[in-house]
Amino acid sequence: GVSVPFSQAVPYGFTMSDNNSGGRALVEIDNGNNITISHMMLSGVSCCHESFTGGPYGVHGNGIGQNFTLKNSAVIQMKSDPIHLNGPGSGTLIDHVYIAVNEGLLSTNHGQGIWLKDSGAATIRNSFFDDVAGTAVVVCGGGTVGCNDLNIYGNVFYHSRTHPQSSGGNVSGDEVTYLIE
């Protein structure tokens, strides 16, 4: 079977959990260069089958500059995209991140594991995607710039067929259709 590396994702560091009080994300980044987030666990609030309220994203960024890094972390149980970056500059790195069980209600929220909109050069490596729901595991594009120089390697893409949206309890949900869109 597939060994889920959750216990190795955050061997030390800090944890943030959504208290359903609203907001865009558990971690919100607006502008800035050379930002690194490491050894963190973000846990959403009871994905799936609830209304689309509260902080839907794990990490959200608008206009992140050059060299954003997220590594050795876990982002789980998000009501939308675990990682949603608008306009990240070149040098985005997502490395050794465990991404699991997000919501993908197609009528109100497409859902994907990672969305890089208007992205410069980016690398997604050595990460584990577990029961990601919605449009795609990774969406790179959109906006006016699209997506340039995307490198994806050394990852595991796993679907257990036990995702809450796979059970039929949420008929408007969907399993991932594409690896990359």
C-alpha atoms as a PDB file:
ATOM      1  CA  GLY A   1       0.000   0.000   0.000  1.00  0.00           C
ATOM      2  CA  VAL A   2       0.886   3.657  -0.137  1.00  0.00           C
ATOM      3  CA  SER A   3       2.576   5.023   2.969  1.00  0.00           C
ATOM      4  CA  VAL A   4       1.111   8.404   3.832  1.00  0.00           C
ATOM      5  CA  PRO A   5       3.951  10.606   5.125  1.00  0.00           C
ATOM      6  CA  PHE A   6       1.733  12.757   7.361  1.00  0.00           C
ATOM      7  CA  SER A   7       3.718  11.951  10.496  1.00  0.00           C
ATOM      8  CA  GLN A   8       6.858  13.097   8.699  1.00  0.00           C
ATOM      9  CA  ALA A   9       5.332  16.255   7.245  1.00  0.00           C
ATOM     10  CA  VAL A  10       5.564  18.308  10.425  1.00  0.00           C
ATOM     11  CA  PRO A  11       7.978  16.670  12.843  1.00  0.00           C
ATOM     12  CA  TYR A  12       8.249  19.984  14.689  1.00  0.00           C
ATOM     13  CA  GLY A  13       6.994  23.502  14.167  1.00  0.00           C
ATOM     14  CA  PHE A  14       3.612  25.109  14.620  1.00  0.00           C
ATOM     15  CA  THR A  15      -0.055  24.339  13.950  1.00  0.00           C
ATOM     16  CA  MET A  16      -2.884  26.639  12.918  1.00  0.00           C
ATOM     17  CA  SER A  17      -6.512  25.530  12.823  1.00  0.00           C
ATOM     18  CA  ASP A  18      -9.529  27.244  11.305  1.00  0.00           C
ATOM     19  CA  ASN A  19     -12.052  28.282  13.941  1.00  0.00           C
ATOM     20  CA  ASN A  20     -14.672  29.032  11.223  1.00  0.00           C
ATOM     21  CA  SER A  21     -14.626  32.729  12.106  1.00  0.00           C
ATOM     22  CA  GLY A  22     -14.283  33.821   8.509  1.00  0.00           C
ATOM     23  CA  GLY A  23     -11.447  35.258   6.514  1.00  0.00           C
ATOM     24  CA  ARG A  24      -9.738  34.320   3.293  1.00  0.00           C
ATOM     25  CA  ALA A  25      -7.063  31.946   4.596  1.00  0.00           C
ATOM     26  CA  LEU A  26      -5.227  30.632   7.615  1.00  0.00           C
ATOM     27  CA  VAL A  27      -2.037  32.170   6.200  1.00  0.00           C
ATOM     28  CA  GLU A  28      -2.485  35.321   4.092  1.00  0.00           C
ATOM     29  CA  ILE A  29       0.467  36.865   2.257  1.00  0.00           C
ATOM     30  CA  ASP A  30       0.207  40.139   0.354  1.00  0.00           C
ATOM     31  CA  ASN A  31       3.350  41.202  -1.475  1.00  0.00           C
ATOM     32  CA  GLY A  32       6.930  40.614  -0.359  1.00  0.00           C
ATOM     33  CA  ASN A  33       9.994  38.776  -1.625  1.00  0.00           C
ATOM     34  CA  ASN A  34      12.043  35.897  -0.218  1.00  0.00           C
ATOM     35  CA  ILE A  35       9.332  34.503   2.078  1.00  0.00           C
ATOM     36  CA  THR A  36       9.811  30.981   3.481  1.00  0.00           C
ATOM     37  CA  ILE A  37       7.235  29.048   5.488  1.00  0.00           C
ATOM     38  CA  SER A  38       8.436  25.757   6.952  1.00  0.00           C
ATOM     39  CA  HIS A  39       7.419  23.087   9.486  1.00  0.00           C
ATOM     40  CA  MET A  40       3.807  24.166   9.754  1.00  0.00           C
ATOM     41  CA  MET A  41       0.510  22.310   9.852  1.00  0.00           C
ATOM     42  CA  LEU A  42      -2.649  24.072   8.682  1.00  0.00           C
ATOM     43  CA  SER A  43      -5.888  22.309   9.509  1.00  0.00           C
ATOM     44  CA  GLY A  44      -9.209  23.492   8.105  1.00  0.00           C
ATOM     45  CA  VAL A  45     -12.612  23.081   9.637  1.00  0.00           C
ATOM     46  CA  SER A  46     -14.526  19.895   8.855  1.00  0.00           C
ATOM     47  CA  CYS A  47     -14.196  19.617   5.104  1.00  0.00           C
ATOM     48  CA  CYS A  48     -16.799  18.583   3.427  1.00  0.00           C
ATOM     49  CA  HIS A  49     -20.607  18.787   3.332  1.00  0.00           C
ATOM     50  CA  GLU A  50     -20.900  22.199   4.915  1.00  0.00           C
ATOM     51  CA  SER A  51     -21.696  25.569   3.413  1.00  0.00           C
ATOM     52  CA  PHE A  52     -18.817  27.465   1.818  1.00  0.00           C
ATOM     53  CA  THR A  53     -18.016  29.819   4.715  1.00  0.00           C
ATOM     54  CA  GLY A  54     -15.038  30.512   6.901  1.00  0.00           C
ATOM     55  CA  GLY A  55     -11.433  30.564   5.825  1.00  0.00           C
ATOM     56  CA  PRO A  56     -11.484  28.475   2.655  1.00  0.00           C
ATOM     57  CA  TYR A  57      -7.761  28.469   1.829  1.00  0.00           C
ATOM     58  CA  GLY A  58      -4.757  27.174   3.720  1.00  0.00           C
ATOM     59  CA  VAL A  59      -2.156  29.536   2.206  1.00  0.00           C
ATOM     60  CA  HIS A  60      -3.367  32.448   0.072  1.00  0.00           C
ATOM     61  CA  GLY A  61      -1.237  35.091  -1.546  1.00  0.00           C
ATOM     62  CA  ASN A  62      -1.817  38.159  -3.702  1.00  0.00           C
ATOM     63  CA  GLY A  63       1.116  39.506  -5.678  1.00  0.00           C
ATOM     64  CA  ILE A  64       3.728  37.431  -3.896  1.00  0.00           C
ATOM     65  CA  GLY A  65       7.114  38.516  -5.152  1.00  0.00           C
ATOM     66  CA  GLN A  66      10.173  36.438  -5.970  1.00  0.00           C
ATOM     67  CA  ASN A  67      11.272  33.283  -4.148  1.00  0.00           C
ATOM     68  CA  PHE A  68       8.254  32.184  -2.108  1.00  0.00           C
ATOM     69  CA  THR A  69       8.890  28.803  -0.429  1.00  0.00           C
ATOM     70  CA  LEU A  70       6.522  26.465   1.403  1.00  0.00           C
ATOM     71  CA  LYS A  71       8.262  23.332   2.660  1.00  0.00           C
ATOM     72  CA  ASN A  72       8.120  20.538   5.227  1.00  0.00           C
ATOM     73  CA  SER A  73       4.484  21.302   6.001  1.00  0.00           C
ATOM     74  CA  ALA A  74       0.958  19.898   5.877  1.00  0.00           C
ATOM     75  CA  VAL A  75      -2.242  21.571   4.653  1.00  0.00           C
ATOM     76  CA  ILE A  76      -5.349  19.489   5.332  1.00  0.00           C
ATOM     77  CA  GLN A  77      -9.164  19.687   5.460  1.00  0.00           C
ATOM     78  CA  MET A  78      -9.525  22.978   3.547  1.00  0.00           C
ATOM     79  CA  LYS A  79     -12.905  24.063   2.211  1.00  0.00           C
ATOM     80  CA  SER A  80     -11.271  25.097  -1.037  1.00  0.00           C
ATOM     81  CA  ASP A  81      -7.678  25.209  -2.276  1.00  0.00           C
ATOM     82  CA  PRO A  82      -5.030  24.229   0.255  1.00  0.00           C
ATOM     83  CA  ILE A  83      -2.594  26.526  -1.621  1.00  0.00           C
ATOM     84  CA  HIS A  84      -3.941  29.425  -3.727  1.00  0.00           C
ATOM     85  CA  LEU A  85      -1.369  31.914  -5.042  1.00  0.00           C
ATOM     86  CA  ASN A  86      -2.298  34.852  -7.261  1.00  0.00           C
ATOM     87  CA  GLY A  87       0.635  36.268  -9.213  1.00  0.00           C
ATOM     88  CA  PRO A  88       3.578  34.558  -7.551  1.00  0.00           C
ATOM     89  CA  GLY A  89       6.876  35.716  -8.987  1.00  0.00           C
ATOM     90  CA  SER A  90       9.661  33.465 -10.203  1.00  0.00           C
ATOM     91  CA  GLY A  91      11.236  31.076  -7.750  1.00  0.00           C
ATOM     92  CA  THR A  92       8.082  29.666  -6.124  1.00  0.00           C
ATOM     93  CA  LEU A  93       8.943  26.367  -4.434  1.00  0.00           C
ATOM     94  CA  ILE A  94       6.555  23.882  -2.832  1.00  0.00           C
ATOM     95  CA  ASP A  95       8.650  21.071  -1.370  1.00  0.00           C
ATOM     96  CA  HIS A  96       7.818  18.155   0.968  1.00  0.00           C
ATOM     97  CA  VAL A  97       4.246  19.339   1.591  1.00  0.00           C
ATOM     98  CA  TYR A  98       1.408  16.979   2.531  1.00  0.00           C
ATOM     99  CA  ILE A  99      -1.856  18.224   0.963  1.00  0.00           C
ATOM    100  CA  ALA A 100      -5.004  16.294   1.849  1.00  0.00           C
ATOM    101  CA  VAL A 101      -8.804  16.357   1.673  1.00  0.00           C
ATOM    102  CA  ASN A 102     -10.042  19.641   0.294  1.00  0.00           C
ATOM    103  CA  GLU A 103     -13.528  20.568  -0.855  1.00  0.00           C
ATOM    104  CA  GLY A 104     -14.433  21.059  -4.493  1.00  0.00           C
ATOM    105  CA  LEU A 105     -18.036  22.174  -4.894  1.00  0.00           C
ATOM    106  CA  LEU A 106     -18.224  22.892  -8.591  1.00  0.00           C
ATOM    107  CA  SER A 107     -21.162  25.295  -8.305  1.00  0.00           C
ATOM    108  CA  THR A 108     -19.416  27.716  -5.923  1.00  0.00           C
ATOM    109  CA  ASN A 109     -15.765  26.716  -5.746  1.00  0.00           C
ATOM    110  CA  HIS A 110     -13.791  24.680  -8.245  1.00  0.00           C
ATOM    111  CA  GLY A 111     -11.280  23.342  -5.757  1.00  0.00           C
ATOM    112  CA  GLN A 112      -7.787  22.074  -6.489  1.00  0.00           C
ATOM    113  CA  GLY A 113      -4.734  21.146  -4.435  1.00  0.00           C
ATOM    114  CA  ILE A 114      -2.609  24.046  -5.677  1.00  0.00           C
ATOM    115  CA  TRP A 115      -3.582  27.005  -7.847  1.00  0.00           C
ATOM    116  CA  LEU A 116      -0.843  29.187  -9.284  1.00  0.00           C
ATOM    117  CA  LYS A 117      -2.493  32.056 -11.181  1.00  0.00           C
ATOM    118  CA  ASP A 118      -0.294  34.278 -13.374  1.00  0.00           C
ATOM    119  CA  SER A 119       2.754  32.389 -12.176  1.00  0.00           C
ATOM    120  CA  GLY A 120       6.436  32.867 -12.906  1.00  0.00           C
ATOM    121  CA  ALA A 121       8.823  29.914 -12.660  1.00  0.00           C
ATOM    122  CA  ALA A 122       7.580  27.434 -10.040  1.00  0.00           C
ATOM    123  CA  THR A 123       8.602  24.010  -8.733  1.00  0.00           C
ATOM    124  CA  ILE A 124       6.373  21.497  -6.952  1.00  0.00           C
ATOM    125  CA  ARG A 125       8.420  18.564  -5.727  1.00  0.00           C
ATOM    126  CA  ASN A 126       8.572  15.692  -3.253  1.00  0.00           C
ATOM    127  CA  SER A 127       5.038  16.334  -2.014  1.00  0.00           C
ATOM    128  CA  PHE A 128       2.116  14.028  -1.260  1.00  0.00           C
ATOM    129  CA  PHE A 129      -1.378  14.828  -2.589  1.00  0.00           C
ATOM    130  CA  ASP A 130      -4.001  12.748  -0.759  1.00  0.00           C
ATOM    131  CA  ASP A 131      -7.703  12.793  -1.714  1.00  0.00           C
ATOM    132  CA  VAL A 132      -7.613  16.151  -3.502  1.00  0.00           C
ATOM    133  CA  ALA A 133     -11.042  17.038  -4.947  1.00  0.00           C
ATOM    134  CA  GLY A 134     -12.165  19.512  -7.583  1.00  0.00           C
ATOM    135  CA  THR A 135     -10.941  20.575 -10.986  1.00  0.00           C
ATOM    136  CA  ALA A 136      -7.304  19.446 -10.797  1.00  0.00           C
ATOM    137  CA  VAL A 137      -4.496  18.534  -8.436  1.00  0.00           C
ATOM    138  CA  VAL A 138      -2.516  21.500  -9.775  1.00  0.00           C
ATOM    139  CA  VAL A 139      -3.904  24.425 -11.782  1.00  0.00           C
ATOM    140  CA  CYS A 140      -1.334  26.735 -13.281  1.00  0.00           C
ATOM    141  CA  GLY A 141      -2.589  29.541 -15.486  1.00  0.00           C
ATOM    142  CA  GLY A 142      -5.435  31.992 -15.695  1.00  0.00           C
ATOM    143  CA  GLY A 143      -5.325  35.749 -15.568  1.00  0.00           C
ATOM    144  CA  THR A 144      -3.291  37.712 -18.091  1.00  0.00           C
ATOM    145  CA  VAL A 145       0.157  36.118 -17.743  1.00  0.00           C
ATOM    146  CA  GLY A 146      -0.819  32.474 -17.489  1.00  0.00           C
ATOM    147  CA  CYS A 147       1.850  30.073 -16.314  1.00  0.00           C
ATOM    148  CA  ASN A 148       5.524  29.935 -17.193  1.00  0.00           C
ATOM    149  CA  ASP A 149       8.223  27.355 -16.437  1.00  0.00           C
ATOM    150  CA  LEU A 150       6.389  24.888 -14.179  1.00  0.00           C
ATOM    151  CA  ASN A 151       8.426  21.933 -12.859  1.00  0.00           C
ATOM    152  CA  ILE A 152       6.657  19.046 -11.124  1.00  0.00           C
ATOM    153  CA  TYR A 153       8.589  15.983  -9.993  1.00  0.00           C
ATOM    154  CA  GLY A 154       9.021  13.446  -7.194  1.00  0.00           C
ATOM    155  CA  ASN A 155       5.411  13.764  -5.995  1.00  0.00           C
ATOM    156  CA  VAL A 156       2.822  11.136  -5.042  1.00  0.00           C
ATOM    157  CA  PHE A 157      -0.791  11.577  -6.166  1.00  0.00           C
ATOM    158  CA  TYR A 158      -3.092   9.305  -4.163  1.00  0.00           C
ATOM    159  CA  HIS A 159      -6.855   8.860  -4.019  1.00  0.00           C
ATOM    160  CA  SER A 160      -8.232   6.443  -1.445  1.00  0.00           C
ATOM    161  CA  ARG A 161     -11.818   6.492  -2.733  1.00  0.00           C
ATOM    162  CA  THR A 162     -12.831   7.381   0.823  1.00  0.00           C
ATOM    163  CA  HIS A 163     -12.845  11.162   0.317  1.00  0.00           C
ATOM    164  CA  PRO A 164     -16.119  12.556   1.748  1.00  0.00           C
ATOM    165  CA  GLN A 165     -17.125  13.790  -1.700  1.00  0.00           C
ATOM    166  CA  SER A 166     -16.584  10.352  -3.242  1.00  0.00           C
ATOM    167  CA  SER A 167     -19.229   8.793  -1.025  1.00  0.00           C
ATOM    168  CA  GLY A 168     -22.152  10.467  -2.778  1.00  0.00           C
ATOM    169  CA  GLY A 169     -22.937  12.587   0.284  1.00  0.00           C
ATOM    170  CA  ASN A 170     -22.153  15.717  -1.684  1.00  0.00           C
ATOM    171  CA  VAL A 171     -23.525  15.224  -5.172  1.00  0.00           C
ATOM    172  CA  SER A 172     -22.236  18.583  -6.421  1.00  0.00           C
ATOM    173  CA  GLY A 173     -18.669  17.678  -5.490  1.00  0.00           C
ATOM    174  CA  ASP A 174     -16.234  16.000  -7.815  1.00  0.00           C
ATOM    175  CA  GLU A 175     -13.087  13.970  -7.774  1.00  0.00           C
ATOM    176  CA  VAL A 176     -10.056  15.428  -9.470  1.00  0.00           C
ATOM    177  CA  THR A 177     -10.271  15.245 -13.240  1.00  0.00           C
ATOM    178  CA  TYR A 178      -6.798  16.486 -14.232  1.00  0.00           C
ATOM    179  CA  LEU A 179      -3.321  16.340 -12.793  1.00  0.00           C
ATOM    180  CA  ILE A 180      -2.451  19.725 -14.306  1.00  0.00           C
ATOM    181  CA  GLU A 181      -4.825  22.116 -15.970  1.00  0.00           C
END
